[in-house]
Amino acid sequence: MKQGIHPAWHQTPVRCMTCGTTWTTGSTVESLAVEICSNCHPFYTGEQRIVDTEGRVDKFMKRLQQRDEIRSTLQRNTEERTPLDLPITELEIGVRYVSILEDNGIKLVGDVLDRLGDEDDENSILAIQGIGRKVVSDMKKTLRSRGYELTS
């Protein structure tokens, strides 16, 4: 073994910052501090408590509340519009398909319903480059789940 290249080895005290427990281990540093240990960790103690570091739970709860407020606002805005005036983004199809349909003059749910009313009109949607049976099927499924009646 080469001399002088290895760090000094110490009997190092380790202190838990949560419960204050200390124990000794070997290390190259002279003292260690850990945030949580087996004496206070909920997995080992069986106690189900939340260990909140820097208010993370509060931040999460605040974000959750903001999300719920945004959803309720969006829902109110959607309910205020007539069902046929909804944009086709409400049909939950991909952004690519929304763009293709909008480029071909289909911008509202009412436009889609007009085209899906009869089999010949459905073929006019299928004739659009980039729109296939899967997209049409997904649009129909979404429309039916929202209470629209389709003839085909």
N, C-alpha and C. Protein backbone atom coordinates (compact mmCIF):
# COMPACT_ATOMS: atom_id res chain seq x y z
N MET A 1 0.83 -1.18 0.00
CA MET A 1 0.00 0.00 0.00
C MET A 1 0.87 1.24 0.00
N LYS A 2 0.47 2.24 -0.76
CA LYS A 2 1.23 3.48 -0.81
C LYS A 2 0.96 4.26 0.47
N GLN A 3 1.97 4.90 0.95
CA GLN A 3 1.85 5.72 2.16
C GLN A 3 1.38 7.12 1.82
N GLY A 4 0.52 7.72 2.69
CA GLY A 4 0.13 9.11 2.58
C GLY A 4 -0.97 9.42 1.56
N ILE A 5 -1.57 8.40 0.95
CA ILE A 5 -2.63 8.69 -0.01
C ILE A 5 -4.03 8.41 0.54
N HIS A 6 -4.10 7.75 1.68
CA HIS A 6 -5.40 7.38 2.24
C HIS A 6 -5.85 8.42 3.26
N PRO A 7 -7.16 8.75 3.29
CA PRO A 7 -7.65 9.73 4.27
C PRO A 7 -7.64 9.13 5.68
N ALA A 8 -7.64 10.02 6.66
CA ALA A 8 -7.65 9.57 8.06
C ALA A 8 -9.01 8.96 8.39
N TRP A 9 -9.00 7.89 9.19
CA TRP A 9 -10.21 7.18 9.58
C TRP A 9 -10.55 7.56 11.01
N HIS A 10 -11.83 7.96 11.24
CA HIS A 10 -12.25 8.42 12.57
C HIS A 10 -13.42 7.59 13.07
N GLN A 11 -13.53 7.50 14.39
CA GLN A 11 -14.76 7.02 15.02
C GLN A 11 -15.69 8.22 15.04
N THR A 12 -16.69 8.25 14.16
CA THR A 12 -17.50 9.44 13.93
C THR A 12 -18.84 9.35 14.63
N PRO A 13 -19.19 10.36 15.42
CA PRO A 13 -20.54 10.39 16.00
C PRO A 13 -21.55 10.87 14.94
N VAL A 14 -22.69 10.18 14.87
CA VAL A 14 -23.76 10.55 13.94
C VAL A 14 -24.95 11.00 14.78
N ARG A 15 -25.52 12.17 14.42
CA ARG A 15 -26.64 12.71 15.19
C ARG A 15 -27.84 12.88 14.28
N CYS A 16 -29.02 12.40 14.74
CA CYS A 16 -30.27 12.56 14.00
C CYS A 16 -30.84 13.92 14.37
N MET A 17 -31.14 14.73 13.36
CA MET A 17 -31.64 16.08 13.61
C MET A 17 -33.12 16.09 14.01
N THR A 18 -33.86 15.02 13.71
CA THR A 18 -35.27 14.97 14.03
C THR A 18 -35.52 14.57 15.48
N CYS A 19 -34.90 13.46 15.91
CA CYS A 19 -35.18 12.96 17.26
C CYS A 19 -34.02 13.14 18.24
N GLY A 20 -32.84 13.47 17.75
CA GLY A 20 -31.70 13.71 18.63
C GLY A 20 -30.89 12.47 18.97
N THR A 21 -31.21 11.32 18.43
CA THR A 21 -30.49 10.09 18.69
C THR A 21 -29.06 10.21 18.15
N THR A 22 -28.09 9.65 18.90
CA THR A 22 -26.70 9.64 18.42
C THR A 22 -26.17 8.21 18.45
N TRP A 23 -25.26 7.90 17.53
CA TRP A 23 -24.56 6.64 17.49
C TRP A 23 -23.22 6.86 16.83
N THR A 24 -22.36 5.88 16.90
CA THR A 24 -20.99 6.03 16.39
C THR A 24 -20.77 5.07 15.23
N THR A 25 -20.05 5.57 14.24
CA THR A 25 -19.68 4.76 13.08
C THR A 25 -18.29 5.18 12.64
N GLY A 26 -17.70 4.46 11.73
CA GLY A 26 -16.40 4.82 11.21
C GLY A 26 -16.55 5.62 9.93
N SER A 27 -15.76 6.68 9.76
CA SER A 27 -15.86 7.51 8.57
C SER A 27 -14.60 8.34 8.42
N THR A 28 -14.49 8.98 7.26
CA THR A 28 -13.35 9.85 7.01
C THR A 28 -13.64 11.28 7.45
N VAL A 29 -14.88 11.59 7.82
CA VAL A 29 -15.21 12.91 8.34
C VAL A 29 -15.36 12.80 9.85
N GLU A 30 -15.24 13.93 10.55
CA GLU A 30 -15.20 13.86 12.01
C GLU A 30 -16.57 13.85 12.66
N SER A 31 -17.61 14.36 11.99
CA SER A 31 -18.97 14.28 12.55
C SER A 31 -19.98 14.28 11.41
N LEU A 32 -21.11 13.63 11.65
CA LEU A 32 -22.17 13.54 10.65
C LEU A 32 -23.51 13.89 11.29
N ALA A 33 -24.41 14.45 10.48
CA ALA A 33 -25.77 14.73 10.93
C ALA A 33 -26.71 14.21 9.85
N VAL A 34 -27.76 13.49 10.27
CA VAL A 34 -28.75 12.99 9.33
C VAL A 34 -30.10 13.61 9.67
N GLU A 35 -30.96 13.72 8.66
CA GLU A 35 -32.25 14.35 8.86
C GLU A 35 -33.24 13.43 9.57
N ILE A 36 -33.17 12.13 9.29
CA ILE A 36 -34.10 11.18 9.87
C ILE A 36 -33.38 9.84 10.04
N CYS A 37 -33.74 9.10 11.08
CA CYS A 37 -33.08 7.83 11.34
C CYS A 37 -34.12 6.74 11.57
N SER A 38 -33.66 5.52 11.85
CA SER A 38 -34.58 4.41 12.04
C SER A 38 -35.40 4.54 13.33
N ASN A 39 -34.96 5.36 14.27
CA ASN A 39 -35.73 5.56 15.51
C ASN A 39 -36.94 6.46 15.31
N CYS A 40 -36.92 7.32 14.29
CA CYS A 40 -38.03 8.24 14.10
C CYS A 40 -38.69 8.12 12.72
N HIS A 41 -38.17 7.28 11.84
CA HIS A 41 -38.77 7.12 10.52
C HIS A 41 -40.08 6.34 10.63
N PRO A 42 -41.17 6.82 9.99
CA PRO A 42 -42.47 6.16 10.11
C PRO A 42 -42.47 4.70 9.67
N PHE A 43 -41.63 4.33 8.71
CA PHE A 43 -41.59 2.94 8.27
C PHE A 43 -41.14 2.02 9.39
N TYR A 44 -40.17 2.45 10.16
CA TYR A 44 -39.63 1.62 11.23
C TYR A 44 -40.45 1.71 12.51
N THR A 45 -41.04 2.86 12.78
CA THR A 45 -41.79 3.04 14.02
C THR A 45 -43.23 2.57 13.90
N GLY A 46 -43.74 2.46 12.67
CA GLY A 46 -45.13 2.08 12.47
C GLY A 46 -46.08 3.26 12.66
N GLU A 47 -45.55 4.40 12.98
CA GLU A 47 -46.36 5.60 13.19
C GLU A 47 -46.51 6.32 11.85
N GLN A 48 -47.73 6.58 11.46
CA GLN A 48 -47.97 7.24 10.18
C GLN A 48 -48.09 8.74 10.39
N ARG A 49 -47.00 9.41 10.41
CA ARG A 49 -47.01 10.87 10.51
C ARG A 49 -46.27 11.42 9.31
N ILE A 50 -46.58 12.62 8.96
CA ILE A 50 -45.95 13.25 7.81
C ILE A 50 -44.72 14.00 8.29
N VAL A 51 -43.59 13.68 7.69
CA VAL A 51 -42.37 14.40 7.99
C VAL A 51 -42.29 15.54 6.98
N ASP A 52 -42.61 16.73 7.43
CA ASP A 52 -42.70 17.88 6.53
C ASP A 52 -41.38 18.63 6.53
N THR A 53 -40.73 18.63 5.39
CA THR A 53 -39.48 19.33 5.25
C THR A 53 -39.73 20.61 4.49
N GLU A 54 -39.50 21.72 5.12
CA GLU A 54 -39.60 23.04 4.51
C GLU A 54 -40.99 23.32 3.95
N GLY A 55 -42.05 22.83 4.59
CA GLY A 55 -43.41 23.13 4.18
C GLY A 55 -43.83 22.51 2.87
N ARG A 56 -43.24 21.39 2.49
CA ARG A 56 -43.56 20.78 1.20
C ARG A 56 -45.00 20.30 1.15
N VAL A 57 -45.51 19.79 2.26
CA VAL A 57 -46.89 19.34 2.28
C VAL A 57 -47.82 20.53 2.08
N ASP A 58 -47.52 21.64 2.74
CA ASP A 58 -48.34 22.84 2.58
C ASP A 58 -48.30 23.35 1.14
N LYS A 59 -47.11 23.31 0.53
CA LYS A 59 -46.99 23.75 -0.86
C LYS A 59 -47.82 22.84 -1.77
N PHE A 60 -47.76 21.54 -1.51
CA PHE A 60 -48.53 20.60 -2.31
C PHE A 60 -50.03 20.84 -2.16
N MET A 61 -50.49 21.04 -0.93
CA MET A 61 -51.91 21.27 -0.68
C MET A 61 -52.36 22.57 -1.36
N LYS A 62 -51.51 23.59 -1.35
CA LYS A 62 -51.85 24.86 -2.00
C LYS A 62 -51.97 24.67 -3.51
N ARG A 63 -51.05 23.90 -4.13
CA ARG A 63 -51.13 23.63 -5.55
C ARG A 63 -52.38 22.83 -5.89
N LEU A 64 -52.72 21.88 -5.03
CA LEU A 64 -53.92 21.07 -5.23
C LEU A 64 -55.17 21.94 -5.19
N GLN A 65 -55.20 22.88 -4.26
CA GLN A 65 -56.34 23.79 -4.15
C GLN A 65 -56.42 24.70 -5.39
N GLN A 66 -55.28 25.20 -5.87
CA GLN A 66 -55.27 26.04 -7.06
C GLN A 66 -55.76 25.25 -8.27
N ARG A 67 -55.34 23.98 -8.38
CA ARG A 67 -55.79 23.14 -9.48
C ARG A 67 -57.30 22.97 -9.45
N ASP A 68 -57.87 22.72 -8.27
CA ASP A 68 -59.31 22.55 -8.15
C ASP A 68 -60.06 23.83 -8.51
N GLU A 69 -59.51 24.99 -8.14
CA GLU A 69 -60.14 26.26 -8.49
C GLU A 69 -60.13 26.48 -9.99
N ILE A 70 -59.01 26.15 -10.64
CA ILE A 70 -58.89 26.31 -12.08
C ILE A 70 -59.88 25.38 -12.78
N ARG A 71 -59.99 24.14 -12.31
CA ARG A 71 -60.94 23.19 -12.90
C ARG A 71 -62.37 23.68 -12.78
N SER A 72 -62.73 24.20 -11.59
CA SER A 72 -64.10 24.66 -11.41
C SER A 72 -64.38 25.88 -12.30
N THR A 73 -63.39 26.77 -12.46
CA THR A 73 -63.55 27.92 -13.35
C THR A 73 -63.73 27.47 -14.79
N LEU A 74 -62.91 26.53 -15.23
CA LEU A 74 -63.03 26.01 -16.60
C LEU A 74 -64.38 25.33 -16.81
N GLN A 75 -64.83 24.61 -15.80
CA GLN A 75 -66.11 23.91 -15.92
C GLN A 75 -67.25 24.92 -16.03
N ARG A 76 -67.20 26.00 -15.22
CA ARG A 76 -68.22 27.04 -15.31
C ARG A 76 -68.22 27.70 -16.68
N ASN A 77 -67.00 27.98 -17.21
CA ASN A 77 -66.90 28.60 -18.53
C ASN A 77 -67.45 27.69 -19.61
N THR A 78 -67.20 26.39 -19.49
CA THR A 78 -67.70 25.42 -20.46
C THR A 78 -69.21 25.33 -20.40
N GLU A 79 -69.78 25.37 -19.19
CA GLU A 79 -71.23 25.27 -19.04
C GLU A 79 -71.93 26.50 -19.59
N GLU A 80 -71.27 27.66 -19.59
CA GLU A 80 -71.88 28.89 -20.09
C GLU A 80 -72.00 28.89 -21.60
N ARG A 81 -71.13 28.16 -22.31
CA ARG A 81 -71.19 28.11 -23.77
C ARG A 81 -72.26 27.10 -24.21
N THR A 82 -72.79 27.32 -25.41
CA THR A 82 -73.69 26.31 -25.95
C THR A 82 -72.84 25.14 -26.40
N PRO A 83 -73.37 23.92 -26.31
CA PRO A 83 -72.56 22.75 -26.64
C PRO A 83 -71.99 22.75 -28.04
N LEU A 84 -72.68 23.36 -29.00
CA LEU A 84 -72.18 23.35 -30.37
C LEU A 84 -71.09 24.39 -30.61
N ASP A 85 -70.96 25.36 -29.69
CA ASP A 85 -69.95 26.40 -29.83
C ASP A 85 -68.62 26.03 -29.17
N LEU A 86 -68.53 24.82 -28.63
CA LEU A 86 -67.28 24.41 -27.99
C LEU A 86 -66.21 24.19 -29.05
N PRO A 87 -64.97 24.54 -28.74
CA PRO A 87 -63.89 24.26 -29.71
C PRO A 87 -63.63 22.76 -29.80
N ILE A 88 -63.05 22.32 -30.89
CA ILE A 88 -62.82 20.89 -31.07
C ILE A 88 -61.76 20.33 -30.14
N THR A 89 -61.03 21.21 -29.45
CA THR A 89 -60.08 20.72 -28.44
C THR A 89 -60.81 19.99 -27.31
N GLU A 90 -62.11 20.27 -27.14
CA GLU A 90 -62.92 19.60 -26.12
C GLU A 90 -63.14 18.12 -26.46
N LEU A 91 -62.86 17.72 -27.68
CA LEU A 91 -63.08 16.33 -28.10
C LEU A 91 -61.96 15.41 -27.65
N GLU A 92 -60.94 15.95 -27.02
CA GLU A 92 -59.82 15.18 -26.45
C GLU A 92 -59.10 14.34 -27.51
N ILE A 93 -58.91 14.94 -28.67
CA ILE A 93 -58.08 14.30 -29.70
C ILE A 93 -56.74 15.01 -29.67
N GLY A 94 -55.76 14.47 -30.32
CA GLY A 94 -54.42 15.04 -30.28
C GLY A 94 -54.34 16.43 -30.91
N VAL A 95 -53.34 17.18 -30.49
CA VAL A 95 -53.12 18.54 -30.98
C VAL A 95 -52.90 18.52 -32.49
N ARG A 96 -52.24 17.52 -32.97
CA ARG A 96 -51.97 17.40 -34.41
C ARG A 96 -53.29 17.32 -35.18
N TYR A 97 -54.23 16.51 -34.68
CA TYR A 97 -55.51 16.33 -35.36
C TYR A 97 -56.36 17.60 -35.26
N VAL A 98 -56.29 18.26 -34.13
CA VAL A 98 -57.02 19.53 -33.98
C VAL A 98 -56.53 20.52 -35.03
N SER A 99 -55.22 20.60 -35.19
CA SER A 99 -54.63 21.51 -36.17
C SER A 99 -55.08 21.17 -37.59
N ILE A 100 -55.07 19.88 -37.93
CA ILE A 100 -55.47 19.44 -39.28
C ILE A 100 -56.93 19.80 -39.52
N LEU A 101 -57.80 19.52 -38.53
CA LEU A 101 -59.22 19.83 -38.70
C LEU A 101 -59.46 21.33 -38.82
N GLU A 102 -58.77 22.12 -38.00
CA GLU A 102 -58.94 23.57 -38.07
C GLU A 102 -58.47 24.11 -39.42
N ASP A 103 -57.40 23.56 -39.98
CA ASP A 103 -56.93 23.98 -41.30
C ASP A 103 -57.95 23.68 -42.38
N ASN A 104 -58.83 22.68 -42.12
CA ASN A 104 -59.85 22.30 -43.10
C ASN A 104 -61.22 22.86 -42.74
N GLY A 105 -61.27 23.88 -41.89
CA GLY A 105 -62.51 24.59 -41.61
C GLY A 105 -63.39 23.98 -40.54
N ILE A 106 -62.90 22.99 -39.82
CA ILE A 106 -63.68 22.36 -38.75
C ILE A 106 -63.10 22.86 -37.44
N LYS A 107 -63.77 23.85 -36.83
CA LYS A 107 -63.22 24.49 -35.64
C LYS A 107 -64.06 24.28 -34.40
N LEU A 108 -65.35 23.93 -34.58
CA LEU A 108 -66.26 23.80 -33.44
C LEU A 108 -66.87 22.40 -33.42
N VAL A 109 -67.38 22.02 -32.26
CA VAL A 109 -68.04 20.72 -32.11
C VAL A 109 -69.23 20.65 -33.06
N GLY A 110 -69.93 21.76 -33.25
CA GLY A 110 -71.05 21.79 -34.18
C GLY A 110 -70.64 21.43 -35.59
N ASP A 111 -69.45 21.88 -36.02
CA ASP A 111 -68.95 21.54 -37.35
C ASP A 111 -68.73 20.03 -37.48
N VAL A 112 -68.19 19.44 -36.42
CA VAL A 112 -67.94 17.99 -36.42
C VAL A 112 -69.27 17.25 -36.49
N LEU A 113 -70.25 17.69 -35.70
CA LEU A 113 -71.55 17.03 -35.70
C LEU A 113 -72.22 17.13 -37.06
N ASP A 114 -72.06 18.27 -37.73
CA ASP A 114 -72.63 18.41 -39.07
C ASP A 114 -72.02 17.40 -40.03
N ARG A 115 -70.72 17.20 -39.91
CA ARG A 115 -70.02 16.29 -40.82
C ARG A 115 -70.26 14.82 -40.47
N LEU A 116 -70.52 14.52 -39.20
CA LEU A 116 -70.71 13.13 -38.80
C LEU A 116 -72.17 12.71 -38.88
N GLY A 117 -73.04 13.60 -39.31
CA GLY A 117 -74.47 13.30 -39.35
C GLY A 117 -74.82 12.17 -40.28
N ASP A 118 -74.06 11.98 -41.33
CA ASP A 118 -74.43 10.95 -42.29
C ASP A 118 -73.15 10.33 -42.84
N GLU A 119 -73.25 9.14 -43.36
CA GLU A 119 -72.06 8.38 -43.73
C GLU A 119 -71.24 9.07 -44.82
N ASP A 120 -71.91 9.74 -45.77
CA ASP A 120 -71.18 10.45 -46.83
C ASP A 120 -70.37 11.60 -46.25
N ASP A 121 -70.97 12.31 -45.24
CA ASP A 121 -70.25 13.41 -44.60
C ASP A 121 -69.07 12.87 -43.78
N GLU A 122 -69.27 11.69 -43.15
CA GLU A 122 -68.17 11.09 -42.40
C GLU A 122 -66.99 10.80 -43.33
N ASN A 123 -67.30 10.34 -44.54
CA ASN A 123 -66.24 10.09 -45.52
C ASN A 123 -65.53 11.38 -45.91
N SER A 124 -66.22 12.51 -45.84
CA SER A 124 -65.56 13.78 -46.15
C SER A 124 -64.52 14.11 -45.08
N ILE A 125 -64.78 13.71 -43.84
CA ILE A 125 -63.77 13.90 -42.78
C ILE A 125 -62.61 12.94 -43.01
N LEU A 126 -62.93 11.70 -43.37
CA LEU A 126 -61.88 10.71 -43.62
C LEU A 126 -61.04 11.07 -44.84
N ALA A 127 -61.59 11.86 -45.74
CA ALA A 127 -60.85 12.27 -46.94
C ALA A 127 -59.77 13.31 -46.61
N ILE A 128 -59.86 13.92 -45.45
CA ILE A 128 -58.85 14.90 -45.05
C ILE A 128 -57.54 14.19 -44.79
N GLN A 129 -56.48 14.69 -45.38
CA GLN A 129 -55.15 14.09 -45.24
C GLN A 129 -54.72 14.12 -43.77
N GLY A 130 -54.41 12.95 -43.19
CA GLY A 130 -53.93 12.87 -41.80
C GLY A 130 -55.02 12.47 -40.81
N ILE A 131 -56.27 12.38 -41.25
CA ILE A 131 -57.36 11.97 -40.38
C ILE A 131 -57.77 10.56 -40.77
N GLY A 132 -57.78 9.66 -39.79
CA GLY A 132 -58.14 8.28 -40.05
C GLY A 132 -59.34 7.84 -39.25
N ARG A 133 -59.69 6.59 -39.40
CA ARG A 133 -60.86 6.03 -38.72
C ARG A 133 -60.72 6.09 -37.20
N LYS A 134 -59.53 5.94 -36.69
CA LYS A 134 -59.30 5.97 -35.24
C LYS A 134 -59.68 7.34 -34.68
N VAL A 135 -59.28 8.40 -35.34
CA VAL A 135 -59.59 9.75 -34.87
C VAL A 135 -61.10 9.98 -34.91
N VAL A 136 -61.73 9.57 -36.01
CA VAL A 136 -63.18 9.73 -36.13
C VAL A 136 -63.88 8.92 -35.04
N SER A 137 -63.41 7.70 -34.80
CA SER A 137 -63.98 6.85 -33.76
C SER A 137 -63.82 7.49 -32.38
N ASP A 138 -62.65 8.06 -32.11
CA ASP A 138 -62.42 8.72 -30.82
C ASP A 138 -63.33 9.94 -30.66
N MET A 139 -63.52 10.71 -31.73
CA MET A 139 -64.40 11.87 -31.66
C MET A 139 -65.84 11.43 -31.38
N LYS A 140 -66.29 10.38 -32.06
CA LYS A 140 -67.65 9.88 -31.84
C LYS A 140 -67.83 9.39 -30.40
N LYS A 141 -66.83 8.67 -29.91
CA LYS A 141 -66.91 8.14 -28.54
C LYS A 141 -67.02 9.28 -27.53
N THR A 142 -66.21 10.32 -27.71
CA THR A 142 -66.26 11.47 -26.81
C THR A 142 -67.59 12.19 -26.90
N LEU A 143 -68.09 12.37 -28.12
CA LEU A 143 -69.37 13.05 -28.30
C LEU A 143 -70.50 12.26 -27.65
N ARG A 144 -70.49 10.95 -27.81
CA ARG A 144 -71.53 10.12 -27.19
C ARG A 144 -71.44 10.17 -25.67
N SER A 145 -70.21 10.17 -25.13
CA SER A 145 -70.06 10.22 -23.67
C SER A 145 -70.52 11.55 -23.10
N ARG A 146 -70.56 12.59 -23.93
CA ARG A 146 -71.02 13.91 -23.47
C ARG A 146 -72.50 14.14 -23.78
N GLY A 147 -73.19 13.09 -24.25
CA GLY A 147 -74.63 13.20 -24.41
C GLY A 147 -75.10 13.56 -25.80
N TYR A 148 -74.22 13.65 -26.77
CA TYR A 148 -74.64 13.95 -28.15
C TYR A 148 -75.14 12.67 -28.79
N GLU A 149 -76.17 12.77 -29.59
CA GLU A 149 -76.69 11.60 -30.30
C GLU A 149 -76.20 11.66 -31.74
N LEU A 150 -75.62 10.55 -32.19
CA LEU A 150 -75.11 10.46 -33.55
C LEU A 150 -75.94 9.42 -34.30
N THR A 151 -76.20 9.67 -35.55
CA THR A 151 -77.02 8.75 -36.33
C THR A 151 -76.27 7.51 -36.74
N SER A 152 -74.95 7.63 -37.00
CA SER A 152 -74.19 6.44 -37.44
C SER A 152 -73.33 5.90 -36.35
